[in-house]
C-alpha atoms as a PDB file:
ATOM      1  CA  MET A   1      -0.772   3.850  40.932  1.00  0.00           C
ATOM      2  CA  PRO A   2       0.310   6.272  38.170  1.00  0.00           C
ATOM      3  CA  GLN A   3       4.096   6.341  38.297  1.00  0.00           C
ATOM      4  CA  HIS A   4       6.151   8.399  35.869  1.00  0.00           C
ATOM      5  CA  LYS A   5       9.711   7.231  35.305  1.00  0.00           C
ATOM      6  CA  LEU A   6      12.195  10.075  35.062  1.00  0.00           C
ATOM      7  CA  PRO A   7      15.299   9.821  32.842  1.00  0.00           C
ATOM      8  CA  GLU A   8      17.579   6.959  33.907  1.00  0.00           C
ATOM      9  CA  LYS A   9      20.134   9.467  35.181  1.00  0.00           C
ATOM     10  CA  PHE A  10      18.285  12.437  36.656  1.00  0.00           C
ATOM     11  CA  VAL A  11      20.918  15.116  37.286  1.00  0.00           C
ATOM     12  CA  LEU A  12      20.191  17.393  40.235  1.00  0.00           C
ATOM     13  CA  GLN A  13      21.026  21.073  40.538  1.00  0.00           C
ATOM     14  CA  ASN A  14      23.976  20.270  42.805  1.00  0.00           C
ATOM     15  CA  GLY A  15      25.429  17.823  40.261  1.00  0.00           C
ATOM     16  CA  GLU A  16      24.427  14.625  42.065  1.00  0.00           C
ATOM     17  CA  VAL A  17      22.493  11.986  40.140  1.00  0.00           C
ATOM     18  CA  LEU A  18      19.329  10.067  41.013  1.00  0.00           C
ATOM     19  CA  HIS A  19      19.146   6.721  39.219  1.00  0.00           C
ATOM     20  CA  GLN A  20      15.789   5.209  38.209  1.00  0.00           C
ATOM     21  CA  ALA A  21      13.808   7.954  39.949  1.00  0.00           C
ATOM     22  CA  SER A  22      10.067   8.308  39.492  1.00  0.00           C
ATOM     23  CA  LEU A  23       7.124  10.563  40.352  1.00  0.00           C
ATOM     24  CA  TYR A  24       3.806   9.411  41.749  1.00  0.00           C
ATOM     25  CA  TYR A  25       1.003  11.560  40.368  1.00  0.00           C
ATOM     26  CA  GLU A  26      -2.783  11.733  40.248  1.00  0.00           C
ATOM     27  CA  ILE A  27      -5.095  13.133  37.579  1.00  0.00           C
ATOM     28  CA  GLU A  28      -8.710  14.015  38.361  1.00  0.00           C
ATOM     29  CA  GLY A  29     -10.642  13.985  35.094  1.00  0.00           C
ATOM     30  CA  GLU A  30      -9.412  13.637  31.542  1.00  0.00           C
ATOM     31  CA  ILE A  31      -6.879  15.787  29.714  1.00  0.00           C
ATOM     32  CA  SER A  32      -8.674  17.452  26.803  1.00  0.00           C
ATOM     33  CA  ASN A  33      -9.064  20.794  25.032  1.00  0.00           C
ATOM     34  CA  GLN A  34     -12.541  21.081  26.535  1.00  0.00           C
ATOM     35  CA  LYS A  35     -11.245  21.363  30.100  1.00  0.00           C
ATOM     36  CA  GLU A  36      -8.899  23.743  31.869  1.00  0.00           C
ATOM     37  CA  ILE A  37      -5.787  22.211  33.380  1.00  0.00           C
ATOM     38  CA  ILE A  38      -5.212  23.011  37.043  1.00  0.00           C
ATOM     39  CA  TRP A  39      -1.809  21.864  38.311  1.00  0.00           C
ATOM     40  CA  ILE A  40      -1.429  21.955  42.078  1.00  0.00           C
ATOM     41  CA  CYS A  41       1.963  22.007  43.810  1.00  0.00           C
ATOM     42  CA  HIS A  42       1.389  20.480  47.229  1.00  0.00           C
ATOM     43  CA  ALA A  43       2.724  21.807  50.513  1.00  0.00           C
ATOM     44  CA  PHE A  44       5.502  20.436  52.756  1.00  0.00           C
ATOM     45  CA  THR A  45       3.799  17.280  54.084  1.00  0.00           C
ATOM     46  CA  GLY A  46       1.124  17.110  51.385  1.00  0.00           C
ATOM     47  CA  SER A  47       0.543  14.394  48.818  1.00  0.00           C
ATOM     48  CA  ALA A  48      -0.711  13.993  45.256  1.00  0.00           C
ATOM     49  CA  THR A  49      -4.225  13.289  46.592  1.00  0.00           C
ATOM     50  CA  VAL A  50      -5.354  16.917  46.738  1.00  0.00           C
ATOM     51  CA  LYS A  51      -8.871  16.217  48.019  1.00  0.00           C
ATOM     52  CA  SER A  52      -7.430  14.583  51.142  1.00  0.00           C
ATOM     53  CA  TRP A  53      -5.726  17.773  52.347  1.00  0.00           C
ATOM     54  CA  TRP A  54      -7.404  20.653  50.445  1.00  0.00           C
ATOM     55  CA  PRO A  55     -11.084  19.615  50.139  1.00  0.00           C
ATOM     56  CA  SER A  56     -12.408  23.167  50.511  1.00  0.00           C
ATOM     57  CA  LEU A  57     -11.079  24.074  47.041  1.00  0.00           C
ATOM     58  CA  TYR A  58     -13.599  21.726  45.431  1.00  0.00           C
ATOM     59  CA  PHE A  59     -17.023  22.638  44.052  1.00  0.00           C
ATOM     60  CA  GLU A  60     -18.926  20.163  46.237  1.00  0.00           C
ATOM     61  CA  ASN A  61     -17.441  21.841  49.319  1.00  0.00           C
ATOM     62  CA  GLY A  62     -18.036  25.418  48.167  1.00  0.00           C
ATOM     63  CA  GLY A  63     -14.779  25.782  46.218  1.00  0.00           C
ATOM     64  CA  PHE A  64     -14.055  26.678  42.604  1.00  0.00           C
ATOM     65  CA  ILE A  65     -12.661  23.396  41.227  1.00  0.00           C
ATOM     66  CA  ASP A  66     -15.461  21.925  39.125  1.00  0.00           C
ATOM     67  CA  PRO A  67     -15.001  18.447  37.564  1.00  0.00           C
ATOM     68  CA  LYS A  68     -17.146  19.545  34.623  1.00  0.00           C
ATOM     69  CA  ARG A  69     -14.724  22.367  33.783  1.00  0.00           C
ATOM     70  CA  HIS A  70     -11.383  21.382  35.259  1.00  0.00           C
ATOM     71  CA  THR A  71      -8.817  18.607  35.157  1.00  0.00           C
ATOM     72  CA  VAL A  72      -6.636  18.567  38.269  1.00  0.00           C
ATOM     73  CA  ILE A  73      -3.067  17.256  38.266  1.00  0.00           C
ATOM     74  CA  CYS A  74      -0.808  16.898  41.286  1.00  0.00           C
ATOM     75  CA  ALA A  75       2.488  15.038  41.609  1.00  0.00           C
ATOM     76  CA  ASN A  76       4.216  14.068  44.822  1.00  0.00           C
ATOM     77  CA  ILE A  77       7.544  15.881  44.977  1.00  0.00           C
ATOM     78  CA  LEU A  78      10.965  14.235  44.927  1.00  0.00           C
ATOM     79  CA  GLY A  79      12.227  13.703  48.464  1.00  0.00           C
ATOM     80  CA  SER A  80       8.763  13.125  49.895  1.00  0.00           C
ATOM     81  CA  CYS A  81       7.403   9.813  51.174  1.00  0.00           C
ATOM     82  CA  TYR A  82       4.066   9.550  49.386  1.00  0.00           C
ATOM     83  CA  GLY A  83       4.989   7.633  46.264  1.00  0.00           C
ATOM     84  CA  SER A  84       7.764   9.555  44.519  1.00  0.00           C
ATOM     85  CA  THR A  85      11.453   8.736  44.891  1.00  0.00           C
ATOM     86  CA  GLY A  86      12.665   9.812  48.314  1.00  0.00           C
ATOM     87  CA  PRO A  87      14.596   8.637  51.377  1.00  0.00           C
ATOM     88  CA  GLU A  88      12.219   5.687  51.870  1.00  0.00           C
ATOM     89  CA  SER A  89      12.900   4.446  48.323  1.00  0.00           C
ATOM     90  CA  ILE A  90      15.400   1.732  47.456  1.00  0.00           C
ATOM     91  CA  ASN A  91      18.701   3.047  46.137  1.00  0.00           C
ATOM     92  CA  PRO A  92      19.407   0.892  43.035  1.00  0.00           C
ATOM     93  CA  ASP A  93      23.154   1.242  43.665  1.00  0.00           C
ATOM     94  CA  THR A  94      22.959  -0.387  47.117  1.00  0.00           C
ATOM     95  CA  ASN A  95      19.597  -2.230  47.123  1.00  0.00           C
ATOM     96  CA  LYS A  96      18.909  -0.542  50.459  1.00  0.00           C
ATOM     97  CA  LYS A  97      16.780   2.450  51.416  1.00  0.00           C
ATOM     98  CA  TYR A  98      18.420   5.812  50.805  1.00  0.00           C
ATOM     99  CA  GLY A  99      17.588   6.945  54.352  1.00  0.00           C
ATOM    100  CA  ASP A 100      19.683   9.910  55.451  1.00  0.00           C
ATOM    101  CA  GLY A 101      21.940   9.354  52.429  1.00  0.00           C
ATOM    102  CA  PHE A 102      19.336  10.766  50.053  1.00  0.00           C
ATOM    103  CA  PRO A 103      20.826  13.697  48.093  1.00  0.00           C
ATOM    104  CA  GLU A 104      19.835  17.305  48.663  1.00  0.00           C
ATOM    105  CA  ILE A 105      16.932  18.333  46.430  1.00  0.00           C
ATOM    106  CA  SER A 106      16.065  21.875  45.315  1.00  0.00           C
ATOM    107  CA  ASN A 107      12.793  23.411  44.192  1.00  0.00           C
ATOM    108  CA  ARG A 108      14.303  23.619  40.701  1.00  0.00           C
ATOM    109  CA  ASP A 109      14.916  19.865  40.766  1.00  0.00           C
ATOM    110  CA  VAL A 110      11.248  19.382  41.622  1.00  0.00           C
ATOM    111  CA  ILE A 111      10.173  21.570  38.706  1.00  0.00           C
ATOM    112  CA  LYS A 112      12.591  19.812  36.347  1.00  0.00           C
ATOM    113  CA  ALA A 113      10.827  16.552  37.258  1.00  0.00           C
ATOM    114  CA  PHE A 114       7.379  18.147  36.852  1.00  0.00           C
ATOM    115  CA  ILE A 115       8.319  19.408  33.391  1.00  0.00           C
ATOM    116  CA  ASP A 116       9.374  15.895  32.412  1.00  0.00           C
ATOM    117  CA  LEU A 117       5.966  14.643  33.590  1.00  0.00           C
ATOM    118  CA  ARG A 118       4.152  17.469  31.775  1.00  0.00           C
ATOM    119  CA  LYS A 119       5.842  16.525  28.511  1.00  0.00           C
ATOM    120  CA  PHE A 120       5.043  12.846  29.062  1.00  0.00           C
ATOM    121  CA  LEU A 121       1.365  13.756  29.515  1.00  0.00           C
ATOM    122  CA  ASN A 122       1.556  15.859  26.335  1.00  0.00           C
ATOM    123  CA  ILE A 123       0.352  18.982  28.151  1.00  0.00           C
ATOM    124  CA  THR A 124       1.319  22.180  26.332  1.00  0.00           C
ATOM    125  CA  ASN A 125      -0.730  24.622  28.396  1.00  0.00           C
ATOM    126  CA  ILE A 126      -1.398  24.904  32.129  1.00  0.00           C
ATOM    127  CA  ASP A 127      -4.322  27.248  32.688  1.00  0.00           C
ATOM    128  CA  ILE A 128      -3.952  27.584  36.452  1.00  0.00           C
ATOM    129  CA  LEU A 129      -0.904  26.692  38.557  1.00  0.00           C
ATOM    130  CA  ILE A 130      -1.604  26.775  42.298  1.00  0.00           C
ATOM    131  CA  GLY A 131       0.838  26.434  45.165  1.00  0.00           C
ATOM    132  CA  GLY A 132       0.700  27.187  48.866  1.00  0.00           C
ATOM    133  CA  SER A 133       3.723  27.576  51.149  1.00  0.00           C
ATOM    134  CA  LEU A 134       6.492  25.292  49.766  1.00  0.00           C
ATOM    135  CA  GLY A 135       4.236  24.588  46.791  1.00  0.00           C
ATOM    136  CA  GLY A 136       4.055  28.306  46.089  1.00  0.00           C
ATOM    137  CA  GLN A 137       7.845  28.507  46.029  1.00  0.00           C
ATOM    138  CA  GLN A 138       7.879  25.768  43.403  1.00  0.00           C
ATOM    139  CA  ALA A 139       5.098  27.361  41.341  1.00  0.00           C
ATOM    140  CA  LEU A 140       7.042  30.625  41.195  1.00  0.00           C
ATOM    141  CA  GLU A 141      10.144  28.769  39.992  1.00  0.00           C
ATOM    142  CA  TRP A 142       8.083  27.045  37.304  1.00  0.00           C
ATOM    143  CA  SER A 143       6.691  30.326  35.994  1.00  0.00           C
ATOM    144  CA  LEU A 144      10.258  31.584  35.523  1.00  0.00           C
ATOM    145  CA  ILE A 145      11.403  28.425  33.743  1.00  0.00           C
ATOM    146  CA  GLU A 146       8.392  27.904  31.457  1.00  0.00           C
ATOM    147  CA  PRO A 147       6.569  31.244  31.101  1.00  0.00           C
ATOM    148  CA  GLU A 148       5.007  30.167  27.810  1.00  0.00           C
ATOM    149  CA  ILE A 149       3.285  27.172  29.460  1.00  0.00           C
ATOM    150  CA  ILE A 150       1.862  28.737  32.637  1.00  0.00           C
ATOM    151  CA  GLN A 151      -1.067  31.072  31.910  1.00  0.00           C
ATOM    152  CA  ASN A 152      -2.031  31.907  35.503  1.00  0.00           C
ATOM    153  CA  GLN A 153      -0.431  31.176  38.837  1.00  0.00           C
ATOM    154  CA  VAL A 154      -1.732  31.515  42.378  1.00  0.00           C
ATOM    155  CA  LEU A 155       0.939  31.885  45.066  1.00  0.00           C
ATOM    156  CA  ILE A 156      -0.596  31.440  48.506  1.00  0.00           C
ATOM    157  CA  ALA A 157       1.235  32.218  51.757  1.00  0.00           C
ATOM    158  CA  SER A 158       4.577  31.841  49.998  1.00  0.00           C
ATOM    159  CA  ASN A 159       7.704  33.809  49.135  1.00  0.00           C
ATOM    160  CA  ALA A 160      10.480  34.449  46.624  1.00  0.00           C
ATOM    161  CA  LYS A 161      13.279  33.722  49.124  1.00  0.00           C
ATOM    162  CA  HIS A 162      12.967  31.878  52.400  1.00  0.00           C
ATOM    163  CA  SER A 163      13.522  34.078  55.431  1.00  0.00           C
ATOM    164  CA  SER A 164      15.986  33.726  58.296  1.00  0.00           C
ATOM    165  CA  TRP A 165      12.923  33.459  60.548  1.00  0.00           C
ATOM    166  CA  GLY A 166      11.599  30.482  58.592  1.00  0.00           C
ATOM    167  CA  ILE A 167      15.029  28.852  58.423  1.00  0.00           C
ATOM    168  CA  ALA A 168      15.368  29.143  62.211  1.00  0.00           C
ATOM    169  CA  PHE A 169      12.090  27.284  62.767  1.00  0.00           C
ATOM    170  CA  ASN A 170      13.147  24.564  60.327  1.00  0.00           C
ATOM    171  CA  GLU A 171      16.557  24.203  61.970  1.00  0.00           C
ATOM    172  CA  LEU A 172      14.940  23.633  65.375  1.00  0.00           C
ATOM    173  CA  GLN A 173      12.778  20.928  63.822  1.00  0.00           C
ATOM    174  CA  ARG A 174      15.806  19.285  62.225  1.00  0.00           C
ATOM    175  CA  GLN A 175      17.632  19.320  65.563  1.00  0.00           C
ATOM    176  CA  ALA A 176      14.654  17.552  67.120  1.00  0.00           C
ATOM    177  CA  ILE A 177      14.729  14.947  64.346  1.00  0.00           C
ATOM    178  CA  SER A 178      18.473  14.464  64.907  1.00  0.00           C
ATOM    179  CA  LEU A 179      17.688  13.278  68.440  1.00  0.00           C
ATOM    180  CA  GLY A 180      15.937  10.318  66.859  1.00  0.00           C
ATOM    181  CA  ALA A 181      18.770   9.725  64.419  1.00  0.00           C
ATOM    182  CA  ASN A 182      21.326   9.367  67.227  1.00  0.00           C
ATOM    183  CA  ASN A 183      18.959   7.184  69.294  1.00  0.00           C
ATOM    184  CA  SER A 184      18.513   9.707  72.103  1.00  0.00           C
ATOM    185  CA  ILE A 185      14.783   9.157  71.584  1.00  0.00           C
ATOM    186  CA  SER A 186      12.730   7.153  69.089  1.00  0.00           C
ATOM    187  CA  LYS A 187      12.250   8.482  65.554  1.00  0.00           C
ATOM    188  CA  ASN A 188       8.514   8.721  66.199  1.00  0.00           C
ATOM    189  CA  GLU A 189       9.064  10.867  69.285  1.00  0.00           C
ATOM    190  CA  ALA A 190      11.574  13.011  67.393  1.00  0.00           C
ATOM    191  CA  ILE A 191       9.210  13.810  64.532  1.00  0.00           C
ATOM    192  CA  ALA A 192       6.414  14.487  67.035  1.00  0.00           C
ATOM    193  CA  ILE A 193       8.589  17.133  68.715  1.00  0.00           C
ATOM    194  CA  ALA A 194       9.455  18.604  65.309  1.00  0.00           C
ATOM    195  CA  ARG A 195       5.748  18.828  64.507  1.00  0.00           C
ATOM    196  CA  LYS A 196       5.014  20.610  67.786  1.00  0.00           C
ATOM    197  CA  ILE A 197       7.679  23.200  66.987  1.00  0.00           C
ATOM    198  CA  ALA A 198       6.191  23.603  63.517  1.00  0.00           C
ATOM    199  CA  MET A 199       2.719  24.220  64.964  1.00  0.00           C
ATOM    200  CA  LEU A 200       4.048  27.345  66.701  1.00  0.00           C
ATOM    201  CA  SER A 201       4.825  28.787  63.273  1.00  0.00           C
ATOM    202  CA  TYR A 202       1.727  27.420  61.532  1.00  0.00           C
ATOM    203  CA  ARG A 203      -0.817  29.037  63.850  1.00  0.00           C
ATOM    204  CA  SER A 204      -1.108  32.476  65.454  1.00  0.00           C
ATOM    205  CA  TYR A 205      -1.214  34.022  68.927  1.00  0.00           C
ATOM    206  CA  ASP A 206      -4.916  34.801  68.532  1.00  0.00           C
ATOM    207  CA  ASP A 207      -5.737  31.283  67.385  1.00  0.00           C
ATOM    208  CA  PHE A 208      -3.974  29.722  70.362  1.00  0.00           C
ATOM    209  CA  GLU A 209      -5.729  32.099  72.763  1.00  0.00           C
ATOM    210  CA  LEU A 210      -9.099  31.465  71.120  1.00  0.00           C
ATOM    211  CA  ASN A 211      -8.676  27.706  71.504  1.00  0.00           C
ATOM    212  CA  GLN A 212      -7.922  28.206  75.203  1.00  0.00           C
ATOM    213  CA  LYS A 213     -10.950  30.454  75.770  1.00  0.00           C
ATOM    214  CA  GLY A 214     -13.874  28.789  77.495  1.00  0.00           C
ATOM    215  CA  LYS A 215     -11.737  26.059  79.010  1.00  0.00           C
ATOM    216  CA  ASN A 216     -11.125  25.697  82.716  1.00  0.00           C
ATOM    217  CA  GLU A 217      -9.381  28.952  83.618  1.00  0.00           C
ATOM    218  CA  GLN A 218      -7.167  27.078  86.076  1.00  0.00           C
ATOM    219  CA  ASP A 219      -6.054  24.665  83.372  1.00  0.00           C
ATOM    220  CA  ASP A 220      -3.213  26.617  81.783  1.00  0.00           C
ATOM    221  CA  TRP A 221      -1.955  23.485  80.076  1.00  0.00           C
ATOM    222  CA  ASN A 222      -4.736  23.050  77.523  1.00  0.00           C
ATOM    223  CA  ILE A 223      -2.435  24.300  74.775  1.00  0.00           C
ATOM    224  CA  VAL A 224       0.145  21.690  75.803  1.00  0.00           C
ATOM    225  CA  SER A 225      -2.481  18.984  75.289  1.00  0.00           C
ATOM    226  CA  TYR A 226      -3.210  20.459  71.868  1.00  0.00           C
ATOM    227  CA  LEU A 227       0.463  20.370  70.871  1.00  0.00           C
ATOM    228  CA  ASN A 228       0.825  16.815  72.183  1.00  0.00           C
ATOM    229  CA  TYR A 229      -2.228  15.804  70.140  1.00  0.00           C
ATOM    230  CA  GLN A 230      -0.730  17.312  66.982  1.00  0.00           C
ATOM    231  CA  GLY A 231       2.568  15.543  67.608  1.00  0.00           C
ATOM    232  CA  GLU A 232       0.913  12.170  68.267  1.00  0.00           C
ATOM    233  CA  LYS A 233      -1.244  12.501  65.159  1.00  0.00           C
ATOM    234  CA  PHE A 234       1.845  13.055  63.021  1.00  0.00           C
ATOM    235  CA  LYS A 235       3.736   9.987  64.260  1.00  0.00           C
ATOM    236  CA  GLY A 236       4.087   7.387  61.566  1.00  0.00           C
ATOM    237  CA  ARG A 237       2.498   9.644  58.935  1.00  0.00           C
ATOM    238  CA  PHE A 238       5.708  11.126  57.581  1.00  0.00           C
ATOM    239  CA  SER A 239       9.304  10.031  57.161  1.00  0.00           C
ATOM    240  CA  THR A 240      11.864  11.758  59.396  1.00  0.00           C
ATOM    241  CA  ASP A 241      14.386  11.720  56.547  1.00  0.00           C
ATOM    242  CA  SER A 242      11.859  13.282  54.148  1.00  0.00           C
ATOM    243  CA  TYR A 243      11.080  15.922  56.762  1.00  0.00           C
ATOM    244  CA  PHE A 244      14.775  16.757  56.943  1.00  0.00           C
ATOM    245  CA  ILE A 245      15.221  16.879  53.138  1.00  0.00           C
ATOM    246  CA  LEU A 246      12.123  18.976  52.417  1.00  0.00           C
ATOM    247  CA  SER A 247      12.822  21.491  55.177  1.00  0.00           C
ATOM    248  CA  LYS A 248      16.276  22.061  53.644  1.00  0.00           C
ATOM    249  CA  MET A 249      14.640  22.454  50.236  1.00  0.00           C
ATOM    250  CA  MET A 250      12.461  25.214  51.648  1.00  0.00           C
ATOM    251  CA  ASP A 251      15.410  26.889  53.382  1.00  0.00           C
ATOM    252  CA  ASN A 252      17.453  27.018  50.169  1.00  0.00           C
ATOM    253  CA  HIS A 253      14.666  28.648  48.162  1.00  0.00           C
ATOM    254  CA  ASN A 254      15.851  31.852  46.493  1.00  0.00           C
ATOM    255  CA  ILE A 255      14.714  32.618  42.948  1.00  0.00           C
ATOM    256  CA  ALA A 256      17.712  34.941  42.450  1.00  0.00           C
ATOM    257  CA  SER A 257      20.200  32.151  43.194  1.00  0.00           C
ATOM    258  CA  ALA A 258      22.304  31.275  40.102  1.00  0.00           C
ATOM    259  CA  ARG A 259      20.364  33.842  38.081  1.00  0.00           C
ATOM    260  CA  ASN A 260      21.703  37.154  36.845  1.00  0.00           C
ATOM    261  CA  GLY A 261      20.025  39.783  39.008  1.00  0.00           C
ATOM    262  CA  SER A 262      18.651  40.764  42.398  1.00  0.00           C
ATOM    263  CA  LEU A 263      15.516  39.217  43.888  1.00  0.00           C
ATOM    264  CA  GLU A 264      13.480  42.200  42.713  1.00  0.00           C
ATOM    265  CA  GLN A 265      14.971  42.057  39.218  1.00  0.00           C
ATOM    266  CA  ILE A 266      14.207  38.349  38.854  1.00  0.00           C
ATOM    267  CA  LEU A 267      10.631  38.887  40.034  1.00  0.00           C
ATOM    268  CA  SER A 268      10.247  41.522  37.324  1.00  0.00           C
ATOM    269  CA  LEU A 269      10.992  38.808  34.726  1.00  0.00           C
ATOM    270  CA  VAL A 270       7.879  36.793  35.625  1.00  0.00           C
ATOM    271  CA  LYS A 271       5.471  37.022  32.687  1.00  0.00           C
ATOM    272  CA  THR A 272       2.626  34.930  34.081  1.00  0.00           C
ATOM    273  CA  ASN A 273      -0.608  36.483  35.308  1.00  0.00           C
ATOM    274  CA  THR A 274      -0.063  36.130  39.059  1.00  0.00           C
ATOM    275  CA  LEU A 275      -2.350  36.247  42.064  1.00  0.00           C
ATOM    276  CA  CYS A 276      -0.505  36.548  45.385  1.00  0.00           C
ATOM    277  CA  ILE A 277      -2.628  35.678  48.407  1.00  0.00           C
ATOM    278  CA  GLY A 278      -1.399  36.584  51.868  1.00  0.00           C
ATOM    279  CA  ILE A 279      -2.828  35.915  55.323  1.00  0.00           C
ATOM    280  CA  ASP A 280      -2.859  38.780  57.791  1.00  0.00           C
ATOM    281  CA  SER A 281      -1.982  36.528  60.777  1.00  0.00           C
ATOM    282  CA  ASP A 282       0.721  34.462  59.041  1.00  0.00           C
ATOM    283  CA  ASN A 283       3.880  34.499  61.160  1.00  0.00           C
ATOM    284  CA  LEU A 284       5.850  32.013  59.043  1.00  0.00           C
ATOM    285  CA  PHE A 285       5.333  33.608  55.617  1.00  0.00           C
ATOM    286  CA  PRO A 286       4.359  37.140  56.699  1.00  0.00           C
ATOM    287  CA  LEU A 287       2.311  39.415  54.484  1.00  0.00           C
ATOM    288  CA  LYS A 288       5.350  41.531  53.572  1.00  0.00           C
ATOM    289  CA  GLU A 289       6.667  38.571  51.537  1.00  0.00           C
ATOM    290  CA  GLN A 290       3.562  38.432  49.347  1.00  0.00           C
ATOM    291  CA  GLU A 291       3.573  42.230  49.083  1.00  0.00           C
ATOM    292  CA  LEU A 292       7.137  42.062  47.735  1.00  0.00           C
ATOM    293  CA  MET A 293       6.167  39.556  45.044  1.00  0.00           C
ATOM    294  CA  ALA A 294       3.027  41.426  44.035  1.00  0.00           C
ATOM    295  CA  HIS A 295       4.922  44.712  43.840  1.00  0.00           C
ATOM    296  CA  HIS A 296       7.687  43.461  41.533  1.00  0.00           C
ATOM    297  CA  ILE A 297       5.897  40.884  39.351  1.00  0.00           C
ATOM    298  CA  PRO A 298       4.521  42.932  36.410  1.00  0.00           C
ATOM    299  CA  ASN A 299       1.143  41.192  36.051  1.00  0.00           C
ATOM    300  CA  ALA A 300       0.460  40.525  39.712  1.00  0.00           C
ATOM    301  CA  LYS A 301      -2.286  41.335  42.157  1.00  0.00           C
ATOM    302  CA  LEU A 302      -2.283  40.986  45.941  1.00  0.00           C
ATOM    303  CA  GLU A 303      -5.274  39.749  47.916  1.00  0.00           C
ATOM    304  CA  ILE A 304      -5.342  39.434  51.695  1.00  0.00           C
ATOM    305  CA  ILE A 305      -7.294  36.899  53.727  1.00  0.00           C
ATOM    306  CA  ASN A 306      -8.333  37.951  57.213  1.00  0.00           C
ATOM    307  CA  SER A 307      -8.034  34.922  59.471  1.00  0.00           C
ATOM    308  CA  LYS A 308      -6.853  34.081  62.959  1.00  0.00           C
ATOM    309  CA  LYS A 309      -5.542  30.694  61.771  1.00  0.00           C
ATOM    310  CA  GLY A 310      -2.049  31.922  60.854  1.00  0.00           C
ATOM    311  CA  HIS A 311      -0.116  30.153  58.089  1.00  0.00           C
ATOM    312  CA  ASP A 312      -2.498  27.183  58.239  1.00  0.00           C
ATOM    313  CA  ALA A 313      -5.256  29.439  56.917  1.00  0.00           C
ATOM    314  CA  PHE A 314      -4.057  28.631  53.398  1.00  0.00           C
ATOM    315  CA  LEU A 315      -5.388  25.098  53.979  1.00  0.00           C
ATOM    316  CA  ILE A 316      -8.361  25.988  56.165  1.00  0.00           C
ATOM    317  CA  GLU A 317      -9.780  28.968  54.253  1.00  0.00           C
ATOM    318  CA  GLY A 318     -10.154  27.206  50.906  1.00  0.00           C
ATOM    319  CA  ASN A 319     -13.544  28.769  50.183  1.00  0.00           C
ATOM    320  CA  LYS A 320     -12.146  32.285  50.597  1.00  0.00           C
ATOM    321  CA  ILE A 321      -9.187  31.377  48.397  1.00  0.00           C
ATOM    322  CA  SER A 322     -11.551  29.956  45.772  1.00  0.00           C
ATOM    323  CA  ARG A 323     -13.533  33.185  45.573  1.00  0.00           C
ATOM    324  CA  LEU A 324     -10.344  35.211  45.121  1.00  0.00           C
ATOM    325  CA  ILE A 325      -9.106  32.878  42.380  1.00  0.00           C
ATOM    326  CA  GLU A 326     -12.431  33.042  40.535  1.00  0.00           C
ATOM    327  CA  LYS A 327     -12.475  36.823  40.782  1.00  0.00           C
ATOM    328  CA  ASN A 328      -8.923  37.140  39.457  1.00  0.00           C
ATOM    329  CA  LEU A 329      -9.507  34.750  36.558  1.00  0.00           C
ATOM    330  CA  LYS A 330     -12.675  36.573  35.580  1.00  0.00           C
ATOM    331  CA  GLU A 331     -10.931  39.948  35.571  1.00  0.00           C
ATOM    332  CA  ASN A 332      -7.598  38.959  34.037  1.00  0.00           C
ATOM    333  CA  TYR A 333      -8.045  35.768  32.027  1.00  0.00           C
ATOM    334  CA  TYR A 334     -11.547  34.929  30.856  1.00  0.00           C
ATOM    335  CA  GLU A 335     -12.488  38.462  29.790  1.00  0.00           C
ATOM    336  CA  LYS A 336      -9.277  38.737  27.755  1.00  0.00           C
ATOM    337  CA  ALA A 337      -9.694  35.359  26.060  1.00  0.00           C
END
C-alpha cells in the first residue's frame, strides 16, 4: 500500500500537531510528460480507490478518463478511515487509537498534506484537478494556494463556503453519532441513523417519489425500507469518529476565512481555468452556490446537469460530467496549448 509519510511534526491550521502522520494514496498509470495528470479529491466517505466509487468517469464505462492519456492520483484525506492518519490510527504519544481525541482538521490541512505528497512525487503540473462535494471544497482551496500548479479544476456540486442549511444537516448527523458515543445505542446503529439523515439531503423529492411509484399504493412505508437499507449498508463501512471529524471539516469551509477579503473578493483571485458543475435538483449544495463561484472566478464557466438524483447525481451522472469536462478542456485548454 503506497503510504506517504508527512513531516514528523505536521502542524495543523489550528496550531495542533499530528506526529508521524501519513497519507494513503493510489496512482493509476505512470507519472510522465507523455500523460496528463488528473488529481481527484474524493468526497466525504470516499477513498483513494476512485474506480470503486466513481466508475462512470472512466473510458471503459463511457467516461473521459483514458489510461492511454491520463495518470490518475487520489489520496485519502487526513481524518478519514481508509488508510490515511485518522481517528482509527494509533496515536504515537499514547500507543492507543486517537478515537474522539483526534484533532480538528481543516480543508487547508488536507491540501497542505496533498502538496507535501505532490512534491514527494515530483509533480510540478496538475493538468486537471477534480473534486465533488467536500472534494470540490478542497480543490478550490488548492487552486488558491498553488495557482501555478493547477491548470484546470472541476468543482462539482460544491461551494466556496458551507451553508447554514448544510451545517444543520451535519449537526443532526453528529447528534445521532453522539448517541452511540454515550452508549444510548450501539455505534453501528448511531452511524446508520446518521446515514439515513444524510440520505434526505443527498437525494431529492422527485427521486424519492419516483422510487415509490409503481409499488403497492397502500404501502406508504417503502421509503422507510429504503432508508433502513441505506443505513444497514453503511454499518461497519465507516468510522463514527471519522464521520464526526469530516462533517466538521465541511462545516468550517470558508475560503475567505483568515484571508484578506470577502468571499467574492477571494473568488476573484482564483487564476485557474475553472469548470463549475451544478445539479438542478441538489438540495444540499444548491445551484446558487455554483452560480456564485462561476460568477466571481475570472476564468470560470457554469454547466448544469438535469437530474432527479439530487446531490448524489455528482456520483451517478459520471458520463454527463465527463462530456462537460471534455467540452471545457477542448474549448479552454487544448486549443490554447
